[in-house]
Amino acid sequence: MPFYILAYSLIFFTFSIANMGYMLYMKCKLPIVLYELAFAVTVFLFIFASYSELLLANLTALHAMLFFCMLGYEVYSSIYLGPENFGIELDEEIDEMWIEAGRVCSILFAAPAYVLGALLAYRLLLSGAGAFLKG
């Protein structure tokens, strides 16, 4: 695994954990925080599986479908849901522009992890479909 992928993965996972801590501090709904933990672990696993034959051998098309479902929810919640949907009450002083800027930065920072995970998930789906078609 290239060093820059390892460094990015560790930074991504660290930011995800910090974000979960902030969500708990802001009294976010617990199922949302647990989902964020599950998604961060899944993305981390998919990135590492891209470079590890041992991990890759244990992933199936079912894991790929789960990843795509989680990724779909992540995209949906980033675009259509606001802090109030997660049980977070922000100060009225925070301008809507800053909330949107936070969303954009979050998406841009996470995009490489989503792309690496999606590429592996796509490979898993193709290999699973090939095994299914071969019988």
N, C-alpha and C. Protein backbone atom coordinates (compact mmCIF):
# COMPACT_ATOMS: atom_id res chain seq x y z
N MET A 1 0.85 -1.18 0.00
CA MET A 1 0.00 0.00 0.00
C MET A 1 0.89 1.24 0.00
N PRO A 2 0.63 2.16 -0.92
CA PRO A 2 1.42 3.39 -0.95
C PRO A 2 1.26 4.20 0.35
N PHE A 3 2.32 4.88 0.70
CA PHE A 3 2.32 5.65 1.95
C PHE A 3 1.21 6.71 1.96
N TYR A 4 0.98 7.38 0.85
CA TYR A 4 -0.02 8.44 0.83
C TYR A 4 -1.43 7.89 1.04
N ILE A 5 -1.68 6.66 0.59
CA ILE A 5 -2.99 6.03 0.84
C ILE A 5 -3.12 5.70 2.32
N LEU A 6 -2.07 5.18 2.92
CA LEU A 6 -2.08 4.87 4.34
C LEU A 6 -2.29 6.15 5.17
N ALA A 7 -1.55 7.20 4.82
CA ALA A 7 -1.67 8.47 5.55
C ALA A 7 -3.08 9.05 5.41
N TYR A 8 -3.61 9.04 4.20
CA TYR A 8 -4.97 9.56 3.99
C TYR A 8 -5.98 8.74 4.77
N SER A 9 -5.85 7.42 4.74
CA SER A 9 -6.78 6.54 5.44
C SER A 9 -6.78 6.81 6.94
N LEU A 10 -5.60 6.96 7.50
CA LEU A 10 -5.51 7.24 8.94
C LEU A 10 -6.09 8.61 9.28
N ILE A 11 -5.83 9.60 8.44
CA ILE A 11 -6.41 10.93 8.67
C ILE A 11 -7.92 10.88 8.51
N PHE A 12 -8.42 10.18 7.50
CA PHE A 12 -9.86 10.03 7.29
C PHE A 12 -10.52 9.39 8.50
N PHE A 13 -9.93 8.29 8.98
CA PHE A 13 -10.50 7.58 10.12
C PHE A 13 -10.44 8.45 11.39
N THR A 14 -9.34 9.17 11.58
CA THR A 14 -9.21 10.05 12.74
C THR A 14 -10.25 11.16 12.70
N PHE A 15 -10.43 11.78 11.54
CA PHE A 15 -11.46 12.82 11.41
C PHE A 15 -12.85 12.25 11.63
N SER A 16 -13.08 11.04 11.16
CA SER A 16 -14.38 10.41 11.36
C SER A 16 -14.66 10.20 12.84
N ILE A 17 -13.67 9.72 13.58
CA ILE A 17 -13.83 9.52 15.02
C ILE A 17 -14.05 10.87 15.72
N ALA A 18 -13.29 11.89 15.32
CA ALA A 18 -13.46 13.22 15.91
C ALA A 18 -14.86 13.76 15.60
N ASN A 19 -15.34 13.53 14.39
CA ASN A 19 -16.67 13.97 14.01
C ASN A 19 -17.74 13.27 14.86
N MET A 20 -17.55 11.99 15.13
CA MET A 20 -18.50 11.27 15.97
C MET A 20 -18.50 11.82 17.40
N GLY A 21 -17.32 12.16 17.89
CA GLY A 21 -17.24 12.78 19.22
C GLY A 21 -17.98 14.10 19.24
N TYR A 22 -17.82 14.89 18.19
CA TYR A 22 -18.53 16.17 18.10
C TYR A 22 -20.03 15.96 18.00
N MET A 23 -20.43 14.93 17.26
CA MET A 23 -21.86 14.63 17.13
C MET A 23 -22.45 14.25 18.49
N LEU A 24 -21.71 13.48 19.28
CA LEU A 24 -22.18 13.13 20.62
C LEU A 24 -22.24 14.37 21.50
N TYR A 25 -21.24 15.24 21.38
CA TYR A 25 -21.21 16.48 22.15
C TYR A 25 -22.42 17.36 21.81
N MET A 26 -22.79 17.38 20.53
CA MET A 26 -23.93 18.18 20.09
C MET A 26 -25.26 17.45 20.30
N LYS A 27 -25.20 16.31 20.97
CA LYS A 27 -26.39 15.52 21.30
C LYS A 27 -27.13 15.01 20.06
N CYS A 28 -26.34 14.54 19.11
CA CYS A 28 -26.90 13.94 17.91
C CYS A 28 -27.55 12.61 18.28
N LYS A 29 -28.48 12.17 17.47
CA LYS A 29 -29.16 10.90 17.72
C LYS A 29 -28.14 9.76 17.68
N LEU A 30 -28.18 8.87 18.67
CA LEU A 30 -27.20 7.79 18.79
C LEU A 30 -27.17 6.86 17.57
N PRO A 31 -28.32 6.47 16.98
CA PRO A 31 -28.23 5.61 15.79
C PRO A 31 -27.44 6.25 14.64
N ILE A 32 -27.51 7.56 14.52
CA ILE A 32 -26.75 8.25 13.47
C ILE A 32 -25.25 8.15 13.76
N VAL A 33 -24.87 8.32 15.02
CA VAL A 33 -23.46 8.22 15.40
C VAL A 33 -22.95 6.80 15.16
N LEU A 34 -23.75 5.80 15.51
CA LEU A 34 -23.35 4.41 15.29
C LEU A 34 -23.24 4.10 13.80
N TYR A 35 -24.14 4.68 13.00
CA TYR A 35 -24.05 4.51 11.55
C TYR A 35 -22.74 5.12 11.04
N GLU A 36 -22.40 6.31 11.51
CA GLU A 36 -21.16 6.96 11.08
C GLU A 36 -19.95 6.10 11.42
N LEU A 37 -19.97 5.47 12.60
CA LEU A 37 -18.88 4.57 12.99
C LEU A 37 -18.82 3.38 12.03
N ALA A 38 -19.96 2.78 11.76
CA ALA A 38 -20.00 1.62 10.86
C ALA A 38 -19.52 1.99 9.45
N PHE A 39 -19.92 3.16 8.98
CA PHE A 39 -19.51 3.56 7.64
C PHE A 39 -18.01 3.87 7.59
N ALA A 40 -17.49 4.53 8.63
CA ALA A 40 -16.05 4.82 8.66
C ALA A 40 -15.23 3.53 8.67
N VAL A 41 -15.66 2.56 9.46
CA VAL A 41 -14.96 1.28 9.52
C VAL A 41 -15.06 0.56 8.16
N THR A 42 -16.23 0.62 7.53
CA THR A 42 -16.42 -0.02 6.23
C THR A 42 -15.51 0.61 5.17
N VAL A 43 -15.47 1.92 5.12
CA VAL A 43 -14.61 2.60 4.15
C VAL A 43 -13.14 2.26 4.41
N PHE A 44 -12.75 2.31 5.67
CA PHE A 44 -11.38 1.98 6.06
C PHE A 44 -11.04 0.55 5.62
N LEU A 45 -11.95 -0.39 5.86
CA LEU A 45 -11.76 -1.78 5.47
C LEU A 45 -11.64 -1.92 3.95
N PHE A 46 -12.48 -1.22 3.22
CA PHE A 46 -12.45 -1.33 1.76
C PHE A 46 -11.16 -0.74 1.19
N ILE A 47 -10.68 0.34 1.78
CA ILE A 47 -9.42 0.91 1.30
C ILE A 47 -8.28 -0.08 1.54
N PHE A 48 -8.23 -0.66 2.73
CA PHE A 48 -7.16 -1.60 3.03
C PHE A 48 -7.31 -2.89 2.23
N ALA A 49 -8.55 -3.31 1.97
CA ALA A 49 -8.75 -4.53 1.18
C ALA A 49 -8.28 -4.35 -0.25
N SER A 50 -8.25 -3.12 -0.73
CA SER A 50 -7.76 -2.87 -2.09
C SER A 50 -6.29 -3.25 -2.24
N TYR A 51 -5.58 -3.29 -1.10
CA TYR A 51 -4.14 -3.58 -1.14
C TYR A 51 -3.78 -4.84 -0.37
N SER A 52 -4.77 -5.58 0.12
CA SER A 52 -4.50 -6.78 0.91
C SER A 52 -5.26 -7.97 0.33
N GLU A 53 -4.53 -8.95 -0.14
CA GLU A 53 -5.17 -10.15 -0.68
C GLU A 53 -5.95 -10.91 0.39
N LEU A 54 -5.46 -10.89 1.62
CA LEU A 54 -6.13 -11.60 2.70
C LEU A 54 -7.51 -11.00 2.98
N LEU A 55 -7.59 -9.68 3.08
CA LEU A 55 -8.88 -9.02 3.29
C LEU A 55 -9.78 -9.17 2.06
N LEU A 56 -9.21 -9.00 0.91
CA LEU A 56 -9.98 -9.07 -0.33
C LEU A 56 -10.62 -10.45 -0.52
N ALA A 57 -9.91 -11.48 -0.13
CA ALA A 57 -10.42 -12.84 -0.30
C ALA A 57 -11.66 -13.09 0.56
N ASN A 58 -11.85 -12.31 1.62
CA ASN A 58 -12.98 -12.51 2.52
C ASN A 58 -14.16 -11.59 2.24
N LEU A 59 -14.05 -10.73 1.24
CA LEU A 59 -15.16 -9.84 0.89
C LEU A 59 -15.95 -10.44 -0.26
N THR A 60 -17.25 -10.22 -0.25
CA THR A 60 -18.13 -10.78 -1.27
C THR A 60 -18.95 -9.67 -1.91
N ALA A 61 -19.77 -10.06 -2.87
CA ALA A 61 -20.67 -9.09 -3.51
C ALA A 61 -21.66 -8.52 -2.52
N LEU A 62 -22.01 -9.28 -1.50
CA LEU A 62 -22.91 -8.77 -0.45
C LEU A 62 -22.28 -7.58 0.28
N HIS A 63 -20.99 -7.66 0.54
CA HIS A 63 -20.29 -6.53 1.16
C HIS A 63 -20.31 -5.31 0.24
N ALA A 64 -20.17 -5.56 -1.04
CA ALA A 64 -20.18 -4.47 -2.02
C ALA A 64 -21.55 -3.80 -2.05
N MET A 65 -22.61 -4.58 -2.02
CA MET A 65 -23.95 -3.99 -2.02
C MET A 65 -24.19 -3.19 -0.74
N LEU A 66 -23.71 -3.70 0.38
CA LEU A 66 -23.82 -2.96 1.64
C LEU A 66 -23.07 -1.63 1.55
N PHE A 67 -21.87 -1.67 0.97
CA PHE A 67 -21.09 -0.44 0.81
C PHE A 67 -21.86 0.57 -0.05
N PHE A 68 -22.41 0.12 -1.17
CA PHE A 68 -23.13 1.04 -2.05
C PHE A 68 -24.39 1.61 -1.39
N CYS A 69 -25.06 0.80 -0.59
CA CYS A 69 -26.23 1.31 0.16
C CYS A 69 -25.80 2.38 1.15
N MET A 70 -24.72 2.13 1.87
CA MET A 70 -24.22 3.11 2.85
C MET A 70 -23.74 4.37 2.13
N LEU A 71 -23.06 4.20 1.02
CA LEU A 71 -22.59 5.35 0.26
C LEU A 71 -23.77 6.16 -0.27
N GLY A 72 -24.80 5.48 -0.73
CA GLY A 72 -26.00 6.18 -1.19
C GLY A 72 -26.64 7.00 -0.08
N TYR A 73 -26.73 6.43 1.12
CA TYR A 73 -27.29 7.19 2.24
C TYR A 73 -26.39 8.38 2.59
N GLU A 74 -25.09 8.16 2.51
CA GLU A 74 -24.14 9.24 2.82
C GLU A 74 -24.32 10.41 1.85
N VAL A 75 -24.45 10.11 0.58
CA VAL A 75 -24.66 11.15 -0.44
C VAL A 75 -26.01 11.83 -0.20
N TYR A 76 -27.06 11.04 0.04
CA TYR A 76 -28.39 11.59 0.29
C TYR A 76 -28.38 12.51 1.51
N SER A 77 -27.79 12.05 2.60
CA SER A 77 -27.81 12.86 3.82
C SER A 77 -26.95 14.11 3.68
N SER A 78 -25.89 14.02 2.89
CA SER A 78 -25.03 15.20 2.69
C SER A 78 -25.74 16.28 1.87
N ILE A 79 -26.60 15.85 0.95
CA ILE A 79 -27.24 16.81 0.06
C ILE A 79 -28.58 17.30 0.62
N TYR A 80 -29.39 16.38 1.11
CA TYR A 80 -30.78 16.73 1.42
C TYR A 80 -31.09 16.91 2.90
N LEU A 81 -30.27 16.40 3.79
CA LEU A 81 -30.59 16.50 5.21
C LEU A 81 -29.74 17.57 5.88
N GLY A 82 -30.33 18.26 6.81
CA GLY A 82 -29.63 19.30 7.55
C GLY A 82 -29.35 18.84 8.98
N PRO A 83 -28.66 19.65 9.75
CA PRO A 83 -28.33 19.29 11.14
C PRO A 83 -29.56 18.96 11.98
N GLU A 84 -30.67 19.63 11.70
CA GLU A 84 -31.88 19.38 12.49
C GLU A 84 -32.41 17.96 12.29
N ASN A 85 -32.14 17.35 11.15
CA ASN A 85 -32.57 15.98 10.91
C ASN A 85 -31.81 14.96 11.75
N PHE A 86 -30.65 15.37 12.24
CA PHE A 86 -29.83 14.48 13.06
C PHE A 86 -29.98 14.78 14.55
N GLY A 87 -30.87 15.70 14.87
CA GLY A 87 -31.09 16.05 16.27
C GLY A 87 -30.09 17.07 16.79
N ILE A 88 -29.40 17.75 15.89
CA ILE A 88 -28.39 18.75 16.28
C ILE A 88 -29.02 20.13 16.21
N GLU A 89 -28.92 20.86 17.30
CA GLU A 89 -29.41 22.23 17.33
C GLU A 89 -28.22 23.17 17.31
N LEU A 90 -28.05 23.86 16.20
CA LEU A 90 -26.95 24.81 16.07
C LEU A 90 -27.39 26.18 16.57
N ASP A 91 -26.41 26.97 16.95
CA ASP A 91 -26.71 28.35 17.35
C ASP A 91 -27.32 29.09 16.18
N GLU A 92 -28.22 30.00 16.48
CA GLU A 92 -28.84 30.78 15.41
C GLU A 92 -27.86 31.73 14.76
N GLU A 93 -26.73 31.95 15.41
CA GLU A 93 -25.71 32.85 14.88
C GLU A 93 -24.97 32.23 13.69
N ILE A 94 -25.04 30.92 13.55
CA ILE A 94 -24.33 30.25 12.46
C ILE A 94 -25.10 30.46 11.17
N ASP A 95 -24.43 31.07 10.23
CA ASP A 95 -25.04 31.39 8.95
C ASP A 95 -25.18 30.13 8.09
N GLU A 96 -26.21 30.08 7.26
CA GLU A 96 -26.44 28.94 6.36
C GLU A 96 -25.26 28.73 5.42
N MET A 97 -24.57 29.81 5.07
CA MET A 97 -23.41 29.71 4.19
C MET A 97 -22.32 28.85 4.83
N TRP A 98 -22.11 28.97 6.14
CA TRP A 98 -21.08 28.19 6.82
C TRP A 98 -21.47 26.71 6.89
N ILE A 99 -22.75 26.45 7.03
CA ILE A 99 -23.22 25.06 7.04
C ILE A 99 -22.97 24.43 5.67
N GLU A 100 -23.28 25.16 4.60
CA GLU A 100 -23.05 24.66 3.25
C GLU A 100 -21.55 24.49 2.97
N ALA A 101 -20.73 25.43 3.45
CA ALA A 101 -19.29 25.32 3.27
C ALA A 101 -18.76 24.07 3.98
N GLY A 102 -19.30 23.77 5.15
CA GLY A 102 -18.90 22.56 5.87
C GLY A 102 -19.27 21.31 5.11
N ARG A 103 -20.44 21.32 4.48
CA ARG A 103 -20.86 20.17 3.67
C ARG A 103 -19.91 19.96 2.50
N VAL A 104 -19.59 21.03 1.81
CA VAL A 104 -18.72 20.93 0.64
C VAL A 104 -17.34 20.42 1.05
N CYS A 105 -16.78 20.96 2.11
CA CYS A 105 -15.46 20.51 2.58
C CYS A 105 -15.50 19.04 2.98
N SER A 106 -16.56 18.63 3.63
CA SER A 106 -16.71 17.24 4.05
C SER A 106 -16.75 16.31 2.84
N ILE A 107 -17.52 16.68 1.85
CA ILE A 107 -17.64 15.85 0.64
C ILE A 107 -16.30 15.79 -0.10
N LEU A 108 -15.64 16.93 -0.24
CA LEU A 108 -14.36 16.94 -0.96
C LEU A 108 -13.30 16.13 -0.23
N PHE A 109 -13.29 16.20 1.11
CA PHE A 109 -12.30 15.46 1.88
C PHE A 109 -12.56 13.95 1.79
N ALA A 110 -13.83 13.56 1.81
CA ALA A 110 -14.17 12.15 1.81
C ALA A 110 -14.20 11.53 0.42
N ALA A 111 -14.22 12.34 -0.62
CA ALA A 111 -14.36 11.83 -1.99
C ALA A 111 -13.31 10.76 -2.35
N PRO A 112 -12.03 10.94 -2.05
CA PRO A 112 -11.07 9.87 -2.40
C PRO A 112 -11.39 8.53 -1.73
N ALA A 113 -11.82 8.58 -0.47
CA ALA A 113 -12.18 7.35 0.23
C ALA A 113 -13.39 6.70 -0.41
N TYR A 114 -14.37 7.52 -0.79
CA TYR A 114 -15.56 6.98 -1.45
C TYR A 114 -15.21 6.36 -2.79
N VAL A 115 -14.33 7.01 -3.54
CA VAL A 115 -13.95 6.50 -4.86
C VAL A 115 -13.17 5.19 -4.73
N LEU A 116 -12.20 5.14 -3.82
CA LEU A 116 -11.45 3.89 -3.64
C LEU A 116 -12.36 2.75 -3.19
N GLY A 117 -13.26 3.05 -2.25
CA GLY A 117 -14.19 2.03 -1.79
C GLY A 117 -15.14 1.58 -2.90
N ALA A 118 -15.63 2.54 -3.68
CA ALA A 118 -16.56 2.22 -4.76
C ALA A 118 -15.88 1.38 -5.85
N LEU A 119 -14.62 1.67 -6.15
CA LEU A 119 -13.90 0.87 -7.15
C LEU A 119 -13.75 -0.58 -6.69
N LEU A 120 -13.41 -0.76 -5.42
CA LEU A 120 -13.29 -2.12 -4.91
C LEU A 120 -14.66 -2.81 -4.89
N ALA A 121 -15.69 -2.09 -4.46
CA ALA A 121 -17.03 -2.67 -4.42
C ALA A 121 -17.47 -3.08 -5.83
N TYR A 122 -17.15 -2.26 -6.81
CA TYR A 122 -17.49 -2.58 -8.20
C TYR A 122 -16.76 -3.86 -8.64
N ARG A 123 -15.48 -3.97 -8.30
CA ARG A 123 -14.72 -5.19 -8.61
C ARG A 123 -15.35 -6.41 -7.94
N LEU A 124 -15.79 -6.24 -6.69
CA LEU A 124 -16.41 -7.36 -5.99
C LEU A 124 -17.72 -7.77 -6.66
N LEU A 125 -18.50 -6.78 -7.10
CA LEU A 125 -19.75 -7.10 -7.78
C LEU A 125 -19.48 -7.85 -9.08
N LEU A 126 -18.48 -7.39 -9.82
CA LEU A 126 -18.16 -8.08 -11.09
C LEU A 126 -17.67 -9.50 -10.85
N SER A 127 -16.82 -9.68 -9.84
CA SER A 127 -16.32 -11.03 -9.56
C SER A 127 -17.43 -11.91 -9.02
N GLY A 128 -18.33 -11.33 -8.23
CA GLY A 128 -19.46 -12.11 -7.72
C GLY A 128 -20.43 -12.49 -8.82
N ALA A 129 -20.66 -11.59 -9.76
CA ALA A 129 -21.54 -11.88 -10.88
C ALA A 129 -20.91 -12.93 -11.78
N GLY A 130 -19.59 -12.84 -11.96
CA GLY A 130 -18.90 -13.84 -12.78
C GLY A 130 -18.99 -15.22 -12.17
N ALA A 131 -18.82 -15.32 -10.86
CA ALA A 131 -18.90 -16.61 -10.18
C ALA A 131 -20.33 -17.15 -10.23
N PHE A 132 -21.30 -16.24 -10.14
CA PHE A 132 -22.70 -16.64 -10.19
C PHE A 132 -23.07 -17.16 -11.58
N LEU A 133 -22.58 -16.47 -12.61
CA LEU A 133 -22.90 -16.87 -13.98
C LEU A 133 -22.21 -18.18 -14.37
N LYS A 134 -21.03 -18.42 -13.82
CA LYS A 134 -20.30 -19.65 -14.13
C LYS A 134 -20.93 -20.86 -13.45
N GLY A 135 -21.71 -20.61 -12.42
CA GLY A 135 -22.43 -21.70 -11.80
C GLY A 135 -21.84 -22.12 -10.54
